[in-house]
């Protein structure tokens, strides 16, 4: 580490959010939230599969998850105007 480097430069080096955070907009936040929701929806079945392999979920919990997933898909299709 360079002892002559100014403190703000060091902070920006170790905390990059100080650099890009100033330019973070509402549009970027909205896009980030959409991506987070998509990744979450994609990971839930994978996590459920890992749980089933570990044997740490009961049948009622799995059944409830599957039923809730079906209801959520059906509601999403009704809202989105399914073809």
Protein backbone atom coordinates (compact mmCIF):
# COMPACT_ATOMS: atom_id res chain seq x y z
CA UNK A 1 0.00 0.00 0.00
CA UNK A 2 1.27 3.44 -0.89
CA UNK A 3 1.55 5.66 2.20
CA UNK A 4 1.38 8.80 0.06
CA UNK A 5 -1.99 7.89 -1.49
CA UNK A 6 -4.69 10.31 -0.25
CA UNK A 7 -7.36 8.91 2.05
CA UNK A 8 -10.35 9.46 -0.33
CA UNK A 9 -8.48 7.55 -3.06
CA UNK A 10 -7.87 4.67 -0.66
CA UNK A 11 -11.51 4.65 0.40
CA UNK A 12 -12.67 4.54 -3.22
CA UNK A 13 -10.25 1.71 -3.89
CA UNK A 14 -11.60 -0.45 -1.08
CA UNK A 15 -15.21 0.77 -1.23
CA UNK A 16 -16.12 1.04 -4.93
CA UNK A 17 -19.69 1.99 -4.04
CA UNK A 18 -18.31 5.46 -3.32
CA UNK A 19 -17.52 5.76 -7.02
CA UNK A 20 -20.56 4.25 -8.74
CA UNK A 21 -23.04 4.99 -5.94
CA UNK A 22 -23.16 8.66 -6.84
CA UNK A 23 -24.41 7.76 -10.34
CA UNK A 24 -26.98 5.17 -9.19
CA UNK A 25 -30.42 6.15 -10.50
CA UNK A 26 -34.00 5.07 -9.87
CA UNK A 27 -34.05 3.37 -13.26
CA UNK A 28 -31.00 1.32 -12.31
CA UNK A 29 -32.66 0.44 -9.00
CA UNK A 30 -35.82 -0.70 -10.81
CA UNK A 31 -33.76 -2.87 -13.17
CA UNK A 32 -31.81 -4.33 -10.25
CA UNK A 33 -35.04 -5.20 -8.43
CA UNK A 34 -36.44 -6.94 -11.52
CA UNK A 35 -33.26 -8.97 -11.91
CA UNK A 36 -33.32 -9.87 -8.20
CA UNK A 37 -36.91 -11.11 -8.50
CA UNK A 38 -36.09 -13.22 -11.57
CA UNK A 39 -33.03 -14.78 -9.93
CA UNK A 40 -35.05 -15.51 -6.80
CA UNK A 41 -37.79 -17.23 -8.79
CA UNK A 42 -35.20 -19.31 -10.64
CA UNK A 43 -33.34 -20.32 -7.49
CA UNK A 44 -36.34 -21.43 -5.42
CA UNK A 45 -36.84 -24.71 -7.35
CA UNK A 46 -33.11 -25.43 -7.15
CA UNK A 47 -33.06 -24.83 -3.40
CA UNK A 48 -36.14 -26.99 -3.00
CA UNK A 49 -34.39 -29.79 -4.90
CA UNK A 50 -31.35 -29.52 -2.61
CA UNK A 51 -33.66 -29.65 0.39
CA UNK A 52 -35.32 -32.78 -0.98
CA UNK A 53 -31.93 -34.41 -1.50
CA UNK A 54 -31.06 -33.62 2.12
CA UNK A 55 -34.33 -35.09 3.31
CA UNK A 56 -34.43 -31.26 5.88
CA UNK A 57 -38.30 -30.56 4.31
CA UNK A 58 -41.51 -32.56 5.26
CA UNK A 59 -44.24 -33.61 2.80
CA UNK A 60 -46.74 -30.93 3.99
CA UNK A 61 -44.15 -28.18 3.44
CA UNK A 62 -43.38 -29.43 -0.08
CA UNK A 63 -47.07 -29.79 -0.86
CA UNK A 64 -47.75 -26.25 0.37
CA UNK A 65 -44.89 -24.88 -1.71
CA UNK A 66 -46.14 -26.62 -4.87
CA UNK A 67 -49.73 -25.46 -4.28
CA UNK A 68 -48.64 -21.87 -3.64
CA UNK A 69 -46.46 -21.93 -6.76
CA UNK A 70 -49.43 -23.08 -8.84
CA UNK A 71 -51.66 -20.35 -7.44
CA UNK A 72 -48.99 -17.72 -8.06
CA UNK A 73 -48.49 -18.85 -11.67
CA UNK A 74 -52.24 -18.87 -12.30
CA UNK A 75 -52.65 -15.39 -10.78
CA UNK A 76 -49.74 -14.09 -12.84
CA UNK A 77 -51.29 -15.46 -16.03
CA UNK A 78 -54.63 -13.84 -15.21
CA UNK A 79 -52.98 -10.46 -14.59
CA UNK A 80 -50.74 -10.62 -17.65
CA UNK A 81 -53.50 -11.53 -20.10
CA UNK A 82 -52.49 -15.07 -21.04
CA UNK A 83 -52.96 -16.14 -24.63
